[in-house]
């Protein structure tokens, strides 16, 4: 979400004069000439109070025509600031900021979201969640997140470089990328799918990048511990490697080096995968994804073009699709198809649609 909000700022900055109210450190990413107010990151109560006051003060000094909030968590502050100066409101929703099952959030934040003038959402599924939460259909617009398109001529060198660094040779590589949360379903994938994949491909290795989402609305902790415990229990310590947080360059190399991206997202109450940006990032690198058709993931994975969608919880289907890709070593066949899919989701396209949506009514 942080990357999306940064891209939103860059996109809006091309057309509008901007002022920013954000978390501590946000000012480092904007020009010195633009007004900025920051709120302490923790605790959450302090952040919300400082963010509310900062938004209000900034609105009165900057006098905007539109107040844009990058998530539902920012909606009350944006609404108060906008109403105080007669501005319109636009809010981008990601999914979890609609279904978060916290009494205070549902009592204070959802009513504010319903009163926003225009709601932007990241997928068809999130649009449905917004409607179910009481947002009028005619105020909702889908704006899919974007992706950067790497140079595919770098695929061979990056693949070799990454594999040599990890000393994995030509082992079949599965990749799971993104924040480690319960809904990502990695412990379940390791328990119910990886043993059969290992049985048929004894050299297979699952690489996991990312760390726990400590600042998420529904962060519960212990996800990495659960993954490690499951790996040990299933006797798969030589078939799973957790790489932790990696920088963009390393992640790009991982996409190039892997044979299949797995995205075994769970369908959980009070949690949702709003879109599935990592699947589009994988496609941009020519890497096919095998994913459960959960939440907004079907908007991010094109069946037969950038990978395969499997019914939620169908681990046998997940195994079958993954093995078909791994055994055929058909990565080269998928590169062009995946890239064509990813080209529908560039940040330029995102920016054009975002600017048009924000400009409505001005």
Protein backbone atom coordinates (compact mmCIF):
# COMPACT_ATOMS: atom_id res chain seq x y z
CA UNK A 1 0.00 0.00 0.00
CA UNK A 2 2.91 2.36 0.71
CA UNK A 3 4.18 1.98 -2.85
CA UNK A 4 0.72 2.56 -4.28
CA UNK A 5 0.27 5.74 -2.24
CA UNK A 6 3.66 7.01 -3.36
CA UNK A 7 2.73 6.34 -6.99
CA UNK A 8 -0.60 8.09 -6.41
CA UNK A 9 1.22 11.16 -5.13
CA UNK A 10 3.54 11.18 -8.16
CA UNK A 11 0.60 10.78 -10.53
CA UNK A 12 -1.49 13.55 -8.98
CA UNK A 13 1.53 15.85 -8.82
CA UNK A 14 1.57 15.92 -12.63
CA UNK A 15 -1.74 17.79 -12.76
CA UNK A 16 -2.55 19.24 -9.34
CA UNK A 17 -0.84 21.42 -6.74
CA UNK A 18 -0.40 19.14 -3.74
CA UNK A 19 0.04 19.29 0.00
CA UNK A 20 0.69 16.11 1.98
CA UNK A 21 -0.31 14.89 5.41
CA UNK A 22 1.18 11.49 6.11
CA UNK A 23 3.11 9.27 8.52
CA UNK A 24 6.47 10.28 9.91
CA UNK A 25 9.07 10.21 7.16
CA UNK A 26 6.64 10.85 4.31
CA UNK A 27 8.10 14.29 3.69
CA UNK A 28 11.36 12.74 2.50
CA UNK A 29 9.61 11.56 -0.65
CA UNK A 30 8.19 14.91 -1.79
CA UNK A 31 9.83 18.12 -3.02
CA UNK A 32 10.84 20.65 -0.36
CA UNK A 33 8.53 23.24 -1.91
CA UNK A 34 5.36 21.26 -1.12
CA UNK A 35 3.57 21.69 2.23
CA UNK A 36 3.90 18.62 4.45
CA UNK A 37 2.63 17.62 7.88
CA UNK A 38 3.66 14.35 9.48
CA UNK A 39 2.13 12.19 12.21
CA UNK A 40 4.00 9.87 14.58
CA UNK A 41 3.88 6.25 13.48
CA UNK A 42 3.14 4.78 16.90
CA UNK A 43 1.15 4.24 18.92
CA UNK A 44 -1.82 4.09 16.56
CA UNK A 45 -3.95 6.35 18.78
CA UNK A 46 -1.31 9.08 18.64
CA UNK A 47 -0.95 8.69 14.88
CA UNK A 48 -4.69 9.08 14.36
CA UNK A 49 -4.91 12.18 16.57
CA UNK A 50 -1.90 13.86 14.99
CA UNK A 51 -3.08 12.89 11.52
CA UNK A 52 -6.57 14.29 12.17
CA UNK A 53 -5.20 17.58 13.48
CA UNK A 54 -2.52 17.82 10.80
CA UNK A 55 -5.04 17.26 8.01
CA UNK A 56 -7.35 19.91 9.45
CA UNK A 57 -4.56 22.48 9.82
CA UNK A 58 -3.15 21.77 6.38
CA UNK A 59 -6.57 22.13 4.77
CA UNK A 60 -6.99 25.58 6.30
CA UNK A 61 -3.58 26.82 5.14
CA UNK A 62 -3.58 25.14 1.70
CA UNK A 63 -7.34 25.49 0.89
CA UNK A 64 -7.66 22.44 -1.42
CA UNK A 65 -10.53 21.70 -3.80
CA UNK A 66 -10.14 17.95 -3.21
CA UNK A 67 -8.90 15.98 -0.21
CA UNK A 68 -7.64 12.54 -1.25
CA UNK A 69 -7.12 9.76 1.29
CA UNK A 70 -4.98 6.75 0.42
CA UNK A 71 -6.94 4.27 2.55
CA UNK A 72 -10.07 3.92 4.64
CA UNK A 73 -7.98 4.51 7.75
CA UNK A 74 -7.46 8.11 6.58
CA UNK A 75 -11.11 8.68 5.62
CA UNK A 76 -12.34 10.38 8.85
CA UNK A 77 -9.46 12.87 8.87
CA UNK A 78 -9.89 13.56 5.16
CA UNK A 79 -13.64 14.03 5.54
CA UNK A 80 -13.30 16.45 8.46
CA UNK A 81 -10.59 18.46 6.72
CA UNK A 82 -12.55 18.64 3.47
CA UNK A 83 -15.84 19.60 5.10
CA UNK A 84 -14.14 22.41 7.02
CA UNK A 85 -13.04 24.13 3.78
CA UNK A 86 -15.82 23.05 1.40
CA UNK A 87 -13.67 20.58 -0.55
CA UNK A 88 -14.65 17.29 -2.20
CA UNK A 89 -13.34 13.97 -0.89
CA UNK A 90 -11.88 10.98 -2.71
CA UNK A 91 -10.79 7.79 -0.92
CA UNK A 92 -8.89 4.77 -2.27
CA UNK A 93 -9.97 1.50 -0.64
CA UNK A 94 -7.90 -1.69 -0.65
CA UNK A 95 -10.29 -4.27 0.82
CA UNK A 96 -9.06 -4.84 4.35
CA UNK A 97 -9.99 -1.25 5.19
CA UNK A 98 -13.62 -2.24 4.52
CA UNK A 99 -13.84 -5.63 6.24
CA UNK A 100 -11.52 -5.03 9.24
CA UNK A 101 -13.39 -6.63 12.12
CA UNK A 102 -12.70 -4.15 14.91
CA UNK A 103 -15.72 -2.62 16.72
CA UNK A 104 -14.21 0.87 16.92
CA UNK A 105 -13.15 0.83 13.29
CA UNK A 106 -16.59 -0.26 12.13
CA UNK A 107 -18.29 2.32 14.35
CA UNK A 108 -16.14 5.33 13.40
CA UNK A 109 -14.36 4.69 10.12
CA UNK A 110 -16.99 2.94 7.98
CA UNK A 111 -19.55 5.76 8.42
CA UNK A 112 -16.88 8.22 7.26
CA UNK A 113 -16.12 6.05 4.22
CA UNK A 114 -19.82 6.02 3.30
CA UNK A 115 -19.88 9.83 3.29
CA UNK A 116 -16.88 10.26 0.96
CA UNK A 117 -17.86 11.82 -2.39
CA UNK A 118 -15.98 9.34 -4.58
CA UNK A 119 -14.62 5.91 -3.72
CA UNK A 120 -11.83 4.31 -5.74
CA UNK A 121 -11.18 0.59 -5.31
CA UNK A 122 -8.42 -1.75 -6.44
CA UNK A 123 -10.58 -4.59 -7.84
CA UNK A 124 -14.08 -5.80 -8.69
CA UNK A 125 -14.14 -7.72 -5.43
CA UNK A 126 -13.33 -4.63 -3.37
CA UNK A 127 -16.05 -2.76 -5.27
CA UNK A 128 -18.52 -5.40 -4.12
CA UNK A 129 -17.29 -5.10 -0.53
CA UNK A 130 -17.74 -1.32 -0.67
CA UNK A 131 -21.32 -1.72 -1.91
CA UNK A 132 -22.04 -4.28 0.81
CA UNK A 133 -20.71 -1.77 3.36
CA UNK A 134 -23.22 0.83 2.20
CA UNK A 135 -21.33 2.84 -0.43
CA UNK A 136 -23.57 3.81 -3.34
CA UNK A 137 -22.70 2.03 -6.60
CA UNK A 138 -22.54 5.26 -8.62
CA UNK A 139 -19.80 6.63 -6.34
CA UNK A 140 -17.45 3.66 -6.85
CA UNK A 141 -14.78 3.38 -9.54
CA UNK A 142 -12.26 0.59 -10.05
CA UNK A 143 -8.65 1.74 -10.48
CA UNK A 144 -6.28 -1.24 -10.51
CA UNK A 145 -2.82 -0.69 -9.00
CA UNK A 146 0.13 -0.50 -11.36
CA UNK A 147 3.47 -2.18 -11.89
CA UNK A 148 6.90 -1.29 -13.21
CA UNK A 149 7.97 -3.17 -16.34
CA UNK A 150 11.55 -4.45 -16.08
CA UNK A 151 13.83 -5.05 -19.04
CA UNK A 152 13.19 -8.67 -20.05
CA UNK A 153 16.56 -8.88 -21.74
CA UNK A 154 17.98 -9.04 -18.20
CA UNK A 155 16.12 -12.29 -17.45
CA UNK A 156 18.95 -14.72 -18.20
CA UNK A 157 21.67 -12.83 -16.32
CA UNK A 158 19.42 -12.07 -13.34
CA UNK A 159 18.28 -15.68 -13.14
CA UNK A 160 21.86 -16.95 -13.10
CA UNK A 161 23.03 -14.28 -10.64
CA UNK A 162 20.27 -15.00 -8.13
CA UNK A 163 20.63 -18.77 -8.33
CA UNK A 164 24.39 -18.57 -7.89
CA UNK A 165 24.00 -16.24 -4.90
CA UNK A 166 21.66 -18.72 -3.20
CA UNK A 167 23.63 -21.75 -4.44
CA UNK A 168 20.52 -23.49 -5.73
CA UNK A 169 21.82 -24.49 -9.16
CA UNK A 170 18.99 -25.55 -11.47
CA UNK A 171 16.62 -26.75 -8.76
CA UNK A 172 12.94 -26.14 -9.60
CA UNK A 173 12.03 -22.94 -7.74
CA UNK A 174 8.66 -21.92 -6.34
CA UNK A 175 8.43 -18.32 -5.14
CA UNK A 176 6.08 -16.75 -2.60
CA UNK A 177 6.45 -12.98 -2.27
CA UNK A 178 4.77 -10.32 -0.14
CA UNK A 179 4.00 -9.51 3.46
CA UNK A 180 3.75 -12.51 5.76
CA UNK A 181 0.17 -12.54 6.98
CA UNK A 182 -2.16 -15.37 7.88
CA UNK A 183 -4.29 -14.80 4.78
CA UNK A 184 -1.31 -15.48 2.49
CA UNK A 185 -1.77 -19.14 3.40
CA UNK A 186 1.89 -20.16 3.31
CA UNK A 187 1.81 -22.49 6.32
CA UNK A 188 -1.21 -24.26 4.80
CA UNK A 189 0.48 -24.50 1.38
CA UNK A 190 3.56 -26.04 3.00
CA UNK A 191 1.38 -28.53 4.88
CA UNK A 192 -1.12 -29.51 2.17
CA UNK A 193 0.61 -28.91 -1.17
CA UNK A 194 4.38 -28.88 -0.89
CA UNK A 195 4.80 -32.51 0.32
CA UNK A 196 3.19 -33.86 -2.86
CA UNK A 197 5.17 -31.47 -5.05
CA UNK A 198 8.34 -32.62 -3.26
CA UNK A 199 7.35 -36.28 -3.73
CA UNK A 200 7.14 -35.82 -7.49
CA UNK A 201 10.01 -33.31 -7.76
CA UNK A 202 12.50 -34.19 -4.98
CA UNK A 203 14.73 -31.17 -5.72
CA UNK A 204 11.98 -28.55 -5.50
CA UNK A 205 12.64 -25.48 -3.34
CA UNK A 206 10.14 -22.90 -2.08
CA UNK A 207 11.61 -19.42 -1.59
CA UNK A 208 9.69 -17.01 0.63
CA UNK A 209 10.43 -13.28 0.58
CA UNK A 210 8.91 -10.72 2.91
CA UNK A 211 8.37 -10.12 6.61
CA UNK A 212 5.37 -9.78 8.88
CA UNK A 213 3.07 -6.80 8.31
CA UNK A 214 3.57 -5.20 11.72
CA UNK A 215 1.47 -2.10 10.92
CA UNK A 216 -1.45 -3.87 9.25
CA UNK A 217 -4.96 -3.17 10.53
CA UNK A 218 -5.39 -6.79 11.60
CA UNK A 219 -1.81 -7.71 12.52
CA UNK A 220 -1.76 -10.67 14.90
CA UNK A 221 1.88 -11.78 14.77
CA UNK A 222 3.41 -15.22 14.88
CA UNK A 223 3.00 -15.92 11.16
CA UNK A 224 6.68 -16.52 10.46
CA UNK A 225 6.88 -18.71 13.56
CA UNK A 226 3.93 -20.78 12.28
CA UNK A 227 5.60 -21.18 8.89
CA UNK A 228 8.87 -22.35 10.44
CA UNK A 229 7.06 -24.76 12.76
CA UNK A 230 5.12 -26.25 9.84
CA UNK A 231 8.30 -26.65 7.78
CA UNK A 232 9.95 -28.54 10.65
CA UNK A 233 6.87 -30.66 11.35
CA UNK A 234 6.55 -31.71 7.70
CA UNK A 235 10.26 -32.49 7.36
CA UNK A 236 10.76 -29.89 4.64
CA UNK A 237 13.67 -27.87 6.02
CA UNK A 238 15.74 -28.52 2.88
CA UNK A 239 12.83 -27.52 0.64
CA UNK A 240 11.83 -24.14 2.11
CA UNK A 241 14.00 -21.08 2.53
CA UNK A 242 12.80 -17.85 4.15
CA UNK A 243 14.75 -14.88 2.79
CA UNK A 244 13.08 -12.19 4.90
CA UNK A 245 12.68 -8.65 3.61
CA UNK A 246 14.59 -8.04 0.39
CA UNK A 247 15.18 -4.86 -1.59
CA UNK A 248 13.53 -4.20 -4.96
CA UNK A 249 16.58 -5.33 -6.92
CA UNK A 250 16.78 -8.67 -5.11
CA UNK A 251 13.03 -9.23 -5.47
CA UNK A 252 13.26 -8.53 -9.19
CA UNK A 253 16.04 -11.10 -9.50
CA UNK A 254 13.92 -13.59 -7.54
CA UNK A 255 11.02 -13.13 -9.99
CA UNK A 256 13.41 -13.74 -12.89
CA UNK A 257 15.01 -16.77 -11.24
CA UNK A 258 11.86 -18.61 -10.14
CA UNK A 259 9.88 -21.08 -12.24
CA UNK A 260 6.47 -20.55 -10.64
CA UNK A 261 4.94 -17.96 -8.33
CA UNK A 262 2.51 -19.45 -5.80
CA UNK A 263 -0.22 -17.35 -4.22
CA UNK A 264 -2.26 -19.67 -1.96
CA UNK A 265 -4.40 -16.94 -0.38
CA UNK A 266 -6.98 -17.98 2.22
CA UNK A 267 -10.59 -16.84 2.34
CA UNK A 268 -10.78 -15.58 5.93
CA UNK A 269 -13.52 -13.66 7.75
CA UNK A 270 -12.46 -10.10 8.57
CA UNK A 271 -9.55 -10.25 6.14
CA UNK A 272 -9.24 -10.07 2.35
CA UNK A 273 -6.73 -9.97 -0.47
CA UNK A 274 -7.98 -6.88 -2.23
CA UNK A 275 -6.03 -7.30 -5.46
CA UNK A 276 -2.76 -9.26 -5.54
CA UNK A 277 -0.06 -6.89 -6.77
CA UNK A 278 2.68 -9.51 -6.46
CA UNK A 279 0.98 -11.60 -9.15
CA UNK A 280 1.13 -8.67 -11.57
CA UNK A 281 4.73 -7.96 -10.56
CA UNK A 282 5.55 -11.60 -11.31
CA UNK A 283 3.84 -11.33 -14.71
CA UNK A 284 5.88 -8.21 -15.50
CA UNK A 285 8.98 -10.42 -15.08
CA UNK A 286 7.49 -13.15 -17.28
CA UNK A 287 6.75 -15.40 -14.29
CA UNK A 288 3.43 -17.30 -14.21
CA UNK A 289 1.39 -17.49 -11.00
CA UNK A 290 -0.71 -20.31 -9.60
CA UNK A 291 -3.22 -18.79 -7.19
CA UNK A 292 -6.41 -19.50 -5.32
CA UNK A 293 -9.29 -17.52 -6.84
CA UNK A 294 -9.92 -15.55 -3.65
CA UNK A 295 -10.83 -11.89 -3.12
CA UNK A 296 -9.49 -9.59 -5.82
CA UNK A 297 -6.88 -12.08 -7.07
CA UNK A 298 -8.89 -12.94 -10.24
CA UNK A 299 -8.37 -9.32 -11.34
CA UNK A 300 -4.60 -9.78 -11.03
CA UNK A 301 -4.21 -13.23 -12.63
CA UNK A 302 -5.49 -13.89 -16.15
CA UNK A 303 -6.37 -17.56 -16.58
CA UNK A 304 -4.05 -19.17 -19.11
CA UNK A 305 -2.31 -15.85 -19.81
CA UNK A 306 -0.38 -14.99 -16.66
CA UNK A 307 -0.94 -18.25 -14.81
CA UNK A 308 -3.77 -20.32 -13.41
CA UNK A 309 -6.57 -19.75 -10.91
CA UNK A 310 -7.56 -22.63 -8.65
CA UNK A 311 -10.76 -22.82 -6.55
CA UNK A 312 -10.25 -21.69 -2.96
CA UNK A 313 -8.80 -24.46 -0.80
CA UNK A 314 -8.22 -26.87 -3.70
CA UNK A 315 -4.69 -27.90 -2.78
CA UNK A 316 -4.78 -30.86 -5.17
CA UNK A 317 -5.48 -28.40 -7.97
CA UNK A 318 -2.71 -26.13 -6.72
CA UNK A 319 -0.31 -29.09 -6.79
CA UNK A 320 -1.40 -30.16 -10.27
CA UNK A 321 -1.02 -26.71 -11.83
CA UNK A 322 2.30 -26.04 -10.11
CA UNK A 323 3.73 -29.41 -11.15
CA UNK A 324 2.65 -28.94 -14.74
CA UNK A 325 4.62 -25.69 -14.92
CA UNK A 326 7.62 -27.03 -12.99
CA UNK A 327 7.93 -30.32 -14.86
CA UNK A 328 7.63 -28.77 -18.30
CA UNK A 329 10.22 -26.09 -17.44
CA UNK A 330 8.14 -23.96 -19.82
CA UNK A 331 9.08 -20.58 -18.37
CA UNK A 332 10.11 -19.30 -21.81
CA UNK A 333 6.65 -20.08 -23.21
CA UNK A 334 5.00 -17.88 -20.58
CA UNK A 335 7.26 -14.84 -20.74
CA UNK A 336 5.49 -13.03 -23.59
CA UNK A 337 1.98 -13.93 -22.38
CA UNK A 338 2.71 -12.77 -18.85
CA UNK A 339 4.27 -9.55 -20.04
CA UNK A 340 1.28 -8.69 -22.25
CA UNK A 341 -0.96 -9.15 -19.22
CA UNK A 342 1.25 -6.93 -17.04
CA UNK A 343 1.26 -4.18 -19.66
CA UNK A 344 -2.40 -3.55 -18.84
CA UNK A 345 -1.34 -2.50 -15.33
CA UNK A 346 1.45 0.04 -15.78
CA UNK A 347 1.80 2.93 -13.35
CA UNK A 348 1.19 5.30 -16.28
CA UNK A 349 -2.24 3.75 -16.84
CA UNK A 350 -2.93 3.87 -13.10
CA UNK A 351 -1.94 7.55 -13.02
CA UNK A 352 -4.16 8.49 -15.95
CA UNK A 353 -7.18 6.80 -14.40
CA UNK A 354 -6.47 8.24 -10.96
CA UNK A 355 -6.16 11.81 -12.25
CA UNK A 356 -9.38 11.47 -14.23
CA UNK A 357 -11.25 10.09 -11.20
CA UNK A 358 -10.00 12.82 -8.86
CA UNK A 359 -10.88 15.54 -11.39
CA UNK A 360 -14.55 14.51 -11.56
CA UNK A 361 -16.70 17.38 -10.31
CA UNK A 362 -13.99 20.05 -10.47
